[in-house]
Amino acid sequence: RTFREMMVAANHFTIAPSVVTSAGR
């Protein structure tokens, strides 16, 4: 159950690559 939940949470737009890219810049 924990595995499935983390996989779902990791797809949330709040941690989208574009957000990390902008923060990195």
mmCIF file of all heavy atoms, coordinates in Angstrom:
data_MODEL
# 
_entry.id   MODEL 
# 
loop_
_atom_site.group_PDB 
_atom_site.id 
_atom_site.type_symbol 
_atom_site.label_atom_id 
_atom_site.label_alt_id 
_atom_site.label_comp_id 
_atom_site.label_asym_id 
_atom_site.label_entity_id 
_atom_site.label_seq_id 
_atom_site.pdbx_PDB_ins_code 
_atom_site.Cartn_x 
_atom_site.Cartn_y 
_atom_site.Cartn_z 
_atom_site.occupancy 
_atom_site.B_iso_or_equiv 
_atom_site.pdbx_formal_charge 
_atom_site.auth_seq_id 
_atom_site.auth_comp_id 
_atom_site.auth_asym_id 
_atom_site.auth_atom_id 
_atom_site.pdbx_PDB_model_num 
ATOM 1   N N   . ARG A 1 1  ? 0.822  -1.216 0.000   1.00 0.00 ? 1  ARG A N   1 
ATOM 2   C CA  . ARG A 1 1  ? 0.000  0.000  0.000   1.00 0.00 ? 1  ARG A CA  1 
ATOM 3   C C   . ARG A 1 1  ? 0.855  1.265  0.000   1.00 0.00 ? 1  ARG A C   1 
ATOM 4   O O   . ARG A 1 1  ? 0.584  2.225  -0.728  1.00 0.00 ? 1  ARG A O   1 
ATOM 5   C CB  . ARG A 1 1  ? -0.931 0.002  1.214   1.00 0.00 ? 1  ARG A CB  1 
ATOM 6   C CG  . ARG A 1 1  ? -1.922 1.171  1.206   1.00 0.00 ? 1  ARG A CG  1 
ATOM 7   C CD  . ARG A 1 1  ? -2.888 1.123  2.373   1.00 0.00 ? 1  ARG A CD  1 
ATOM 8   N NE  . ARG A 1 1  ? -2.223 1.263  3.651   1.00 0.00 ? 1  ARG A NE  1 
ATOM 9   C CZ  . ARG A 1 1  ? -2.136 0.319  4.565   1.00 0.00 ? 1  ARG A CZ  1 
ATOM 10  N NH1 . ARG A 1 1  ? -2.687 -0.868 4.360   1.00 0.00 ? 1  ARG A NH1 1 
ATOM 11  N NH2 . ARG A 1 1  ? -1.504 0.530  5.717   1.00 0.00 ? 1  ARG A NH2 1 
ATOM 12  N N   . THR A 1 2  ? 1.912  1.264  0.791   1.00 0.00 ? 2  THR A N   1 
ATOM 13  C CA  . THR A 1 2  ? 2.789  2.432  0.862   1.00 0.00 ? 2  THR A CA  1 
ATOM 14  C C   . THR A 1 2  ? 3.496  2.665  -0.468  1.00 0.00 ? 2  THR A C   1 
ATOM 15  O O   . THR A 1 2  ? 3.654  3.808  -0.907  1.00 0.00 ? 2  THR A O   1 
ATOM 16  C CB  . THR A 1 2  ? 3.823  2.265  1.990   1.00 0.00 ? 2  THR A CB  1 
ATOM 17  O OG1 . THR A 1 2  ? 3.135  2.031  3.228   1.00 0.00 ? 2  THR A OG1 1 
ATOM 18  C CG2 . THR A 1 2  ? 4.688  3.506  2.139   1.00 0.00 ? 2  THR A CG2 1 
ATOM 19  N N   . PHE A 1 3  ? 3.909  1.584  -1.122  1.00 0.00 ? 3  PHE A N   1 
ATOM 20  C CA  . PHE A 1 3  ? 4.526  1.699  -2.445  1.00 0.00 ? 3  PHE A CA  1 
ATOM 21  C C   . PHE A 1 3  ? 3.561  2.365  -3.427  1.00 0.00 ? 3  PHE A C   1 
ATOM 22  O O   . PHE A 1 3  ? 3.926  3.323  -4.132  1.00 0.00 ? 3  PHE A O   1 
ATOM 23  C CB  . PHE A 1 3  ? 4.916  0.301  -2.948  1.00 0.00 ? 3  PHE A CB  1 
ATOM 24  C CG  . PHE A 1 3  ? 5.462  0.279  -4.347  1.00 0.00 ? 3  PHE A CG  1 
ATOM 25  C CD1 . PHE A 1 3  ? 6.802  0.533  -4.592  1.00 0.00 ? 3  PHE A CD1 1 
ATOM 26  C CD2 . PHE A 1 3  ? 4.625  0.010  -5.435  1.00 0.00 ? 3  PHE A CD2 1 
ATOM 27  C CE1 . PHE A 1 3  ? 7.310  0.512  -5.888  1.00 0.00 ? 3  PHE A CE1 1 
ATOM 28  C CE2 . PHE A 1 3  ? 5.119  -0.014 -6.727  1.00 0.00 ? 3  PHE A CE2 1 
ATOM 29  C CZ  . PHE A 1 3  ? 6.468  0.239  -6.953  1.00 0.00 ? 3  PHE A CZ  1 
ATOM 30  N N   . ARG A 1 4  ? 2.327  1.892  -3.465  1.00 0.00 ? 4  ARG A N   1 
ATOM 31  C CA  . ARG A 1 4  ? 1.355  2.454  -4.403  1.00 0.00 ? 4  ARG A CA  1 
ATOM 32  C C   . ARG A 1 4  ? 1.075  3.926  -4.098  1.00 0.00 ? 4  ARG A C   1 
ATOM 33  O O   . ARG A 1 4  ? 0.960  4.757  -5.004  1.00 0.00 ? 4  ARG A O   1 
ATOM 34  C CB  . ARG A 1 4  ? 0.057  1.637  -4.358  1.00 0.00 ? 4  ARG A CB  1 
ATOM 35  C CG  . ARG A 1 4  ? 0.192  0.254  -4.958  1.00 0.00 ? 4  ARG A CG  1 
ATOM 36  C CD  . ARG A 1 4  ? -1.144 -0.465 -5.043  1.00 0.00 ? 4  ARG A CD  1 
ATOM 37  N NE  . ARG A 1 4  ? -1.634 -0.937 -3.755  1.00 0.00 ? 4  ARG A NE  1 
ATOM 38  C CZ  . ARG A 1 4  ? -2.628 -0.398 -3.076  1.00 0.00 ? 4  ARG A CZ  1 
ATOM 39  N NH1 . ARG A 1 4  ? -3.247 0.674  -3.555  1.00 0.00 ? 4  ARG A NH1 1 
ATOM 40  N NH2 . ARG A 1 4  ? -3.020 -0.892 -1.923  1.00 0.00 ? 4  ARG A NH2 1 
ATOM 41  N N   . GLU A 1 5  ? 0.972  4.242  -2.823  1.00 0.00 ? 5  GLU A N   1 
ATOM 42  C CA  . GLU A 1 5  ? 0.681  5.629  -2.439  1.00 0.00 ? 5  GLU A CA  1 
ATOM 43  C C   . GLU A 1 5  ? 1.804  6.578  -2.836  1.00 0.00 ? 5  GLU A C   1 
ATOM 44  O O   . GLU A 1 5  ? 1.550  7.680  -3.337  1.00 0.00 ? 5  GLU A O   1 
ATOM 45  C CB  . GLU A 1 5  ? 0.410  5.690  -0.933  1.00 0.00 ? 5  GLU A CB  1 
ATOM 46  C CG  . GLU A 1 5  ? -0.908 5.035  -0.550  1.00 0.00 ? 5  GLU A CG  1 
ATOM 47  C CD  . GLU A 1 5  ? -1.146 4.929  0.943   1.00 0.00 ? 5  GLU A CD  1 
ATOM 48  O OE1 . GLU A 1 5  ? -0.171 5.055  1.722   1.00 0.00 ? 5  GLU A OE1 1 
ATOM 49  O OE2 . GLU A 1 5  ? -2.296 4.705  1.351   1.00 0.00 ? 5  GLU A OE2 1 
ATOM 50  N N   . MET A 1 6  ? 3.037  6.154  -2.645  1.00 0.00 ? 6  MET A N   1 
ATOM 51  C CA  . MET A 1 6  ? 4.151  7.027  -3.007  1.00 0.00 ? 6  MET A CA  1 
ATOM 52  C C   . MET A 1 6  ? 4.234  7.229  -4.513  1.00 0.00 ? 6  MET A C   1 
ATOM 53  O O   . MET A 1 6  ? 4.540  8.332  -4.990  1.00 0.00 ? 6  MET A O   1 
ATOM 54  C CB  . MET A 1 6  ? 5.471  6.462  -2.476  1.00 0.00 ? 6  MET A CB  1 
ATOM 55  C CG  . MET A 1 6  ? 6.698  7.291  -2.855  1.00 0.00 ? 6  MET A CG  1 
ATOM 56  S SD  . MET A 1 6  ? 6.603  9.040  -2.351  1.00 0.00 ? 6  MET A SD  1 
ATOM 57  C CE  . MET A 1 6  ? 7.122  8.918  -0.642  1.00 0.00 ? 6  MET A CE  1 
ATOM 58  N N   . MET A 1 7  ? 3.943  6.193  -5.282  1.00 0.00 ? 7  MET A N   1 
ATOM 59  C CA  . MET A 1 7  ? 3.970  6.338  -6.739  1.00 0.00 ? 7  MET A CA  1 
ATOM 60  C C   . MET A 1 7  ? 2.912  7.335  -7.214  1.00 0.00 ? 7  MET A C   1 
ATOM 61  O O   . MET A 1 7  ? 3.140  8.115  -8.148  1.00 0.00 ? 7  MET A O   1 
ATOM 62  C CB  . MET A 1 7  ? 3.766  4.983  -7.421  1.00 0.00 ? 7  MET A CB  1 
ATOM 63  C CG  . MET A 1 7  ? 4.855  3.963  -7.153  1.00 0.00 ? 7  MET A CG  1 
ATOM 64  S SD  . MET A 1 7  ? 6.529  4.554  -7.536  1.00 0.00 ? 7  MET A SD  1 
ATOM 65  C CE  . MET A 1 7  ? 7.315  4.351  -5.926  1.00 0.00 ? 7  MET A CE  1 
ATOM 66  N N   . VAL A 1 8  ? 1.751  7.330  -6.573  1.00 0.00 ? 8  VAL A N   1 
ATOM 67  C CA  . VAL A 1 8  ? 0.702  8.290  -6.921  1.00 0.00 ? 8  VAL A CA  1 
ATOM 68  C C   . VAL A 1 8  ? 1.126  9.709  -6.526  1.00 0.00 ? 8  VAL A C   1 
ATOM 69  O O   . VAL A 1 8  ? 1.015  10.652 -7.318  1.00 0.00 ? 8  VAL A O   1 
ATOM 70  C CB  . VAL A 1 8  ? -0.625 7.903  -6.239  1.00 0.00 ? 8  VAL A CB  1 
ATOM 71  C CG1 . VAL A 1 8  ? -1.654 9.029  -6.369  1.00 0.00 ? 8  VAL A CG1 1 
ATOM 72  C CG2 . VAL A 1 8  ? -1.183 6.618  -6.851  1.00 0.00 ? 8  VAL A CG2 1 
ATOM 73  N N   . ALA A 1 9  ? 1.622  9.863  -5.311  1.00 0.00 ? 9  ALA A N   1 
ATOM 74  C CA  . ALA A 1 9  ? 2.008  11.197 -4.834  1.00 0.00 ? 9  ALA A CA  1 
ATOM 75  C C   . ALA A 1 9  ? 3.121  11.793 -5.678  1.00 0.00 ? 9  ALA A C   1 
ATOM 76  O O   . ALA A 1 9  ? 3.160  13.015 -5.900  1.00 0.00 ? 9  ALA A O   1 
ATOM 77  C CB  . ALA A 1 9  ? 2.445  11.112 -3.376  1.00 0.00 ? 9  ALA A CB  1 
ATOM 78  N N   . ALA A 1 10 ? 4.026  10.954 -6.155  1.00 0.00 ? 10 ALA A N   1 
ATOM 79  C CA  . ALA A 1 10 ? 5.160  11.445 -6.940  1.00 0.00 ? 10 ALA A CA  1 
ATOM 80  C C   . ALA A 1 10 ? 4.742  11.990 -8.299  1.00 0.00 ? 10 ALA A C   1 
ATOM 81  O O   . ALA A 1 10 ? 5.537  12.674 -8.959  1.00 0.00 ? 10 ALA A O   1 
ATOM 82  C CB  . ALA A 1 10 ? 6.186  10.327 -7.123  1.00 0.00 ? 10 ALA A CB  1 
ATOM 83  N N   . ASN A 1 11 ? 3.511  11.704 -8.724  1.00 0.00 ? 11 ASN A N   1 
ATOM 84  C CA  . ASN A 1 11 ? 3.011  12.237 -9.992  1.00 0.00 ? 11 ASN A CA  1 
ATOM 85  C C   . ASN A 1 11 ? 2.272  13.559 -9.820  1.00 0.00 ? 11 ASN A C   1 
ATOM 86  O O   . ASN A 1 11 ? 1.763  14.108 -10.797 1.00 0.00 ? 11 ASN A O   1 
ATOM 87  C CB  . ASN A 1 11 ? 2.076  11.224 -10.661 1.00 0.00 ? 11 ASN A CB  1 
ATOM 88  C CG  . ASN A 1 11 ? 2.834  10.236 -11.526 1.00 0.00 ? 11 ASN A CG  1 
ATOM 89  O OD1 . ASN A 1 11 ? 4.039  10.345 -11.709 1.00 0.00 ? 11 ASN A OD1 1 
ATOM 90  N ND2 . ASN A 1 11 ? 2.132  9.252  -12.056 1.00 0.00 ? 11 ASN A ND2 1 
ATOM 91  N N   . HIS A 1 12 ? 2.203  14.069 -8.611  1.00 0.00 ? 12 HIS A N   1 
ATOM 92  C CA  . HIS A 1 12 ? 1.480  15.320 -8.378  1.00 0.00 ? 12 HIS A CA  1 
ATOM 93  C C   . HIS A 1 12 ? 2.220  16.480 -9.031  1.00 0.00 ? 12 HIS A C   1 
ATOM 94  O O   . HIS A 1 12 ? 3.451  16.542 -9.016  1.00 0.00 ? 12 HIS A O   1 
ATOM 95  C CB  . HIS A 1 12 ? 1.344  15.573 -6.872  1.00 0.00 ? 12 HIS A CB  1 
ATOM 96  C CG  . HIS A 1 12 ? 0.284  16.562 -6.521  1.00 0.00 ? 12 HIS A CG  1 
ATOM 97  N ND1 . HIS A 1 12 ? 0.475  17.924 -6.628  1.00 0.00 ? 12 HIS A ND1 1 
ATOM 98  C CD2 . HIS A 1 12 ? -0.987 16.390 -6.068  1.00 0.00 ? 12 HIS A CD2 1 
ATOM 99  C CE1 . HIS A 1 12 ? -0.629 18.547 -6.242  1.00 0.00 ? 12 HIS A CE1 1 
ATOM 100 N NE2 . HIS A 1 12 ? -1.534 17.647 -5.898  1.00 0.00 ? 12 HIS A NE2 1 
ATOM 101 N N   . PHE A 1 13 ? 1.460  17.421 -9.595  1.00 0.00 ? 13 PHE A N   1 
ATOM 102 C CA  . PHE A 1 13 ? 2.102  18.510 -10.352 1.00 0.00 ? 13 PHE A CA  1 
ATOM 103 C C   . PHE A 1 13 ? 2.952  19.415 -9.474  1.00 0.00 ? 13 PHE A C   1 
ATOM 104 O O   . PHE A 1 13 ? 3.791  20.156 -9.976  1.00 0.00 ? 13 PHE A O   1 
ATOM 105 C CB  . PHE A 1 13 ? 1.055  19.330 -11.111 1.00 0.00 ? 13 PHE A CB  1 
ATOM 106 C CG  . PHE A 1 13 ? 0.185  20.205 -10.253 1.00 0.00 ? 13 PHE A CG  1 
ATOM 107 C CD1 . PHE A 1 13 ? 0.584  21.482 -9.924  1.00 0.00 ? 13 PHE A CD1 1 
ATOM 108 C CD2 . PHE A 1 13 ? -1.028 19.750 -9.786  1.00 0.00 ? 13 PHE A CD2 1 
ATOM 109 C CE1 . PHE A 1 13 ? -0.219 22.305 -9.141  1.00 0.00 ? 13 PHE A CE1 1 
ATOM 110 C CE2 . PHE A 1 13 ? -1.834 20.555 -8.997  1.00 0.00 ? 13 PHE A CE2 1 
ATOM 111 C CZ  . PHE A 1 13 ? -1.431 21.836 -8.676  1.00 0.00 ? 13 PHE A CZ  1 
ATOM 112 N N   . THR A 1 14 ? 2.762  19.363 -8.154  1.00 0.00 ? 14 THR A N   1 
ATOM 113 C CA  . THR A 1 14 ? 3.543  20.230 -7.278  1.00 0.00 ? 14 THR A CA  1 
ATOM 114 C C   . THR A 1 14 ? 5.034  19.916 -7.301  1.00 0.00 ? 14 THR A C   1 
ATOM 115 O O   . THR A 1 14 ? 5.855  20.756 -6.934  1.00 0.00 ? 14 THR A O   1 
ATOM 116 C CB  . THR A 1 14 ? 3.013  20.156 -5.832  1.00 0.00 ? 14 THR A CB  1 
ATOM 117 O OG1 . THR A 1 14 ? 3.634  21.170 -5.030  1.00 0.00 ? 14 THR A OG1 1 
ATOM 118 C CG2 . THR A 1 14 ? 3.310  18.813 -5.204  1.00 0.00 ? 14 THR A CG2 1 
ATOM 119 N N   . ILE A 1 15 ? 5.403  18.718 -7.741  1.00 0.00 ? 15 ILE A N   1 
ATOM 120 C CA  . ILE A 1 15 ? 6.834  18.390 -7.864  1.00 0.00 ? 15 ILE A CA  1 
ATOM 121 C C   . ILE A 1 15 ? 7.214  18.129 -9.316  1.00 0.00 ? 15 ILE A C   1 
ATOM 122 O O   . ILE A 1 15 ? 8.141  17.371 -9.607  1.00 0.00 ? 15 ILE A O   1 
ATOM 123 C CB  . ILE A 1 15 ? 7.235  17.196 -6.972  1.00 0.00 ? 15 ILE A CB  1 
ATOM 124 C CG1 . ILE A 1 15 ? 6.381  15.954 -7.282  1.00 0.00 ? 15 ILE A CG1 1 
ATOM 125 C CG2 . ILE A 1 15 ? 7.155  17.551 -5.505  1.00 0.00 ? 15 ILE A CG2 1 
ATOM 126 C CD1 . ILE A 1 15 ? 6.929  14.695 -6.639  1.00 0.00 ? 15 ILE A CD1 1 
ATOM 127 N N   . ALA A 1 16 ? 6.513  18.772 -10.228 1.00 0.00 ? 16 ALA A N   1 
ATOM 128 C CA  . ALA A 1 16 ? 6.810  18.620 -11.652 1.00 0.00 ? 16 ALA A CA  1 
ATOM 129 C C   . ALA A 1 16 ? 8.239  19.053 -11.965 1.00 0.00 ? 16 ALA A C   1 
ATOM 130 O O   . ALA A 1 16 ? 8.780  19.954 -11.313 1.00 0.00 ? 16 ALA A O   1 
ATOM 131 C CB  . ALA A 1 16 ? 5.835  19.451 -12.472 1.00 0.00 ? 16 ALA A CB  1 
ATOM 132 N N   . PRO A 1 17 ? 8.882  18.429 -12.957 1.00 0.00 ? 17 PRO A N   1 
ATOM 133 C CA  . PRO A 1 17 ? 10.253 18.808 -13.319 1.00 0.00 ? 17 PRO A CA  1 
ATOM 134 C C   . PRO A 1 17 ? 10.406 20.286 -13.635 1.00 0.00 ? 17 PRO A C   1 
ATOM 135 O O   . PRO A 1 17 ? 11.453 20.886 -13.360 1.00 0.00 ? 17 PRO A O   1 
ATOM 136 C CB  . PRO A 1 17 ? 10.532 17.936 -14.551 1.00 0.00 ? 17 PRO A CB  1 
ATOM 137 C CG  . PRO A 1 17 ? 9.673  16.726 -14.356 1.00 0.00 ? 17 PRO A CG  1 
ATOM 138 C CD  . PRO A 1 17 ? 8.425  17.235 -13.708 1.00 0.00 ? 17 PRO A CD  1 
ATOM 139 N N   . SER A 1 18 ? 9.382  20.898 -14.209 1.00 0.00 ? 18 SER A N   1 
ATOM 140 C CA  . SER A 1 18 ? 9.479  22.317 -14.550 1.00 0.00 ? 18 SER A CA  1 
ATOM 141 C C   . SER A 1 18 ? 9.646  23.190 -13.312 1.00 0.00 ? 18 SER A C   1 
ATOM 142 O O   . SER A 1 18 ? 10.344 24.214 -13.356 1.00 0.00 ? 18 SER A O   1 
ATOM 143 C CB  . SER A 1 18 ? 8.232  22.754 -15.326 1.00 0.00 ? 18 SER A CB  1 
ATOM 144 O OG  . SER A 1 18 ? 7.062  22.563 -14.547 1.00 0.00 ? 18 SER A OG  1 
ATOM 145 N N   . VAL A 1 19 ? 9.018  22.793 -12.206 1.00 0.00 ? 19 VAL A N   1 
ATOM 146 C CA  . VAL A 1 19 ? 9.142  23.547 -10.958 1.00 0.00 ? 19 VAL A CA  1 
ATOM 147 C C   . VAL A 1 19 ? 10.567 23.444 -10.422 1.00 0.00 ? 19 VAL A C   1 
ATOM 148 O O   . VAL A 1 19 ? 11.177 24.446 -10.020 1.00 0.00 ? 19 VAL A O   1 
ATOM 149 C CB  . VAL A 1 19 ? 8.136  23.033 -9.909  1.00 0.00 ? 19 VAL A CB  1 
ATOM 150 C CG1 . VAL A 1 19 ? 8.296  23.781 -8.588  1.00 0.00 ? 19 VAL A CG1 1 
ATOM 151 C CG2 . VAL A 1 19 ? 6.703  23.167 -10.424 1.00 0.00 ? 19 VAL A CG2 1 
ATOM 152 N N   . VAL A 1 20 ? 11.113 22.233 -10.455 1.00 0.00 ? 20 VAL A N   1 
ATOM 153 C CA  . VAL A 1 20 ? 12.483 22.024 -9.978  1.00 0.00 ? 20 VAL A CA  1 
ATOM 154 C C   . VAL A 1 20 ? 13.479 22.751 -10.872 1.00 0.00 ? 20 VAL A C   1 
ATOM 155 O O   . VAL A 1 20 ? 14.453 23.345 -10.389 1.00 0.00 ? 20 VAL A O   1 
ATOM 156 C CB  . VAL A 1 20 ? 12.797 20.516 -9.915  1.00 0.00 ? 20 VAL A CB  1 
ATOM 157 C CG1 . VAL A 1 20 ? 14.237 20.291 -9.466  1.00 0.00 ? 20 VAL A CG1 1 
ATOM 158 C CG2 . VAL A 1 20 ? 11.832 19.811 -8.972  1.00 0.00 ? 20 VAL A CG2 1 
ATOM 159 N N   . THR A 1 21 ? 13.233 22.731 -12.168 1.00 0.00 ? 21 THR A N   1 
ATOM 160 C CA  . THR A 1 21 ? 14.118 23.424 -13.107 1.00 0.00 ? 21 THR A CA  1 
ATOM 161 C C   . THR A 1 21 ? 14.164 24.919 -12.816 1.00 0.00 ? 21 THR A C   1 
ATOM 162 O O   . THR A 1 21 ? 15.246 25.534 -12.759 1.00 0.00 ? 21 THR A O   1 
ATOM 163 C CB  . THR A 1 21 ? 13.652 23.188 -14.557 1.00 0.00 ? 21 THR A CB  1 
ATOM 164 O OG1 . THR A 1 21 ? 13.694 21.791 -14.840 1.00 0.00 ? 21 THR A OG1 1 
ATOM 165 C CG2 . THR A 1 21 ? 14.545 23.930 -15.537 1.00 0.00 ? 21 THR A CG2 1 
ATOM 166 N N   . SER A 1 22 ? 12.992 25.520 -12.620 1.00 0.00 ? 22 SER A N   1 
ATOM 167 C CA  . SER A 1 22 ? 12.945 26.954 -12.320 1.00 0.00 ? 22 SER A CA  1 
ATOM 168 C C   . SER A 1 22 ? 13.635 27.257 -10.997 1.00 0.00 ? 22 SER A C   1 
ATOM 169 O O   . SER A 1 22 ? 14.381 28.242 -10.884 1.00 0.00 ? 22 SER A O   1 
ATOM 170 C CB  . SER A 1 22 ? 11.493 27.433 -12.283 1.00 0.00 ? 22 SER A CB  1 
ATOM 171 O OG  . SER A 1 22 ? 10.903 27.352 -13.562 1.00 0.00 ? 22 SER A OG  1 
ATOM 172 N N   . ALA A 1 23 ? 13.396 26.420 -10.005 1.00 0.00 ? 23 ALA A N   1 
ATOM 173 C CA  . ALA A 1 23 ? 14.053 26.619 -8.711  1.00 0.00 ? 23 ALA A CA  1 
ATOM 174 C C   . ALA A 1 23 ? 15.569 26.497 -8.854  1.00 0.00 ? 23 ALA A C   1 
ATOM 175 O O   . ALA A 1 23 ? 16.331 27.266 -8.256  1.00 0.00 ? 23 ALA A O   1 
ATOM 176 C CB  . ALA A 1 23 ? 13.526 25.610 -7.696  1.00 0.00 ? 23 ALA A CB  1 
ATOM 177 N N   . GLY A 1 24 ? 16.006 25.532 -9.647  1.00 0.00 ? 24 GLY A N   1 
ATOM 178 C CA  . GLY A 1 24 ? 17.435 25.370 -9.882  1.00 0.00 ? 24 GLY A CA  1 
ATOM 179 C C   . GLY A 1 24 ? 18.050 26.585 -10.553 1.00 0.00 ? 24 GLY A C   1 
ATOM 180 O O   . GLY A 1 24 ? 19.146 27.034 -10.188 1.00 0.00 ? 24 GLY A O   1 
ATOM 181 N N   . ARG A 1 25 ? 17.347 27.132 -11.531 1.00 0.00 ? 25 ARG A N   1 
ATOM 182 C CA  . ARG A 1 25 ? 17.835 28.346 -12.199 1.00 0.00 ? 25 ARG A CA  1 
ATOM 183 C C   . ARG A 1 25 ? 17.975 29.497 -11.209 1.00 0.00 ? 25 ARG A C   1 
ATOM 184 O O   . ARG A 1 25 ? 18.959 30.236 -11.238 1.00 0.00 ? 25 ARG A O   1 
ATOM 185 C CB  . ARG A 1 25 ? 16.874 28.749 -13.319 1.00 0.00 ? 25 ARG A CB  1 
ATOM 186 C CG  . ARG A 1 25 ? 16.918 27.880 -14.572 1.00 0.00 ? 25 ARG A CG  1 
ATOM 187 C CD  . ARG A 1 25 ? 15.906 28.393 -15.591 1.00 0.00 ? 25 ARG A CD  1 
ATOM 188 N NE  . ARG A 1 25 ? 15.887 27.624 -16.827 1.00 0.00 ? 25 ARG A NE  1 
ATOM 189 C CZ  . ARG A 1 25 ? 16.674 27.842 -17.876 1.00 0.00 ? 25 ARG A CZ  1 
ATOM 190 N NH1 . ARG A 1 25 ? 17.562 28.827 -17.825 1.00 0.00 ? 25 ARG A NH1 1 
ATOM 191 N NH2 . ARG A 1 25 ? 16.587 27.104 -18.965 1.00 0.00 ? 25 ARG A NH2 1 
# 
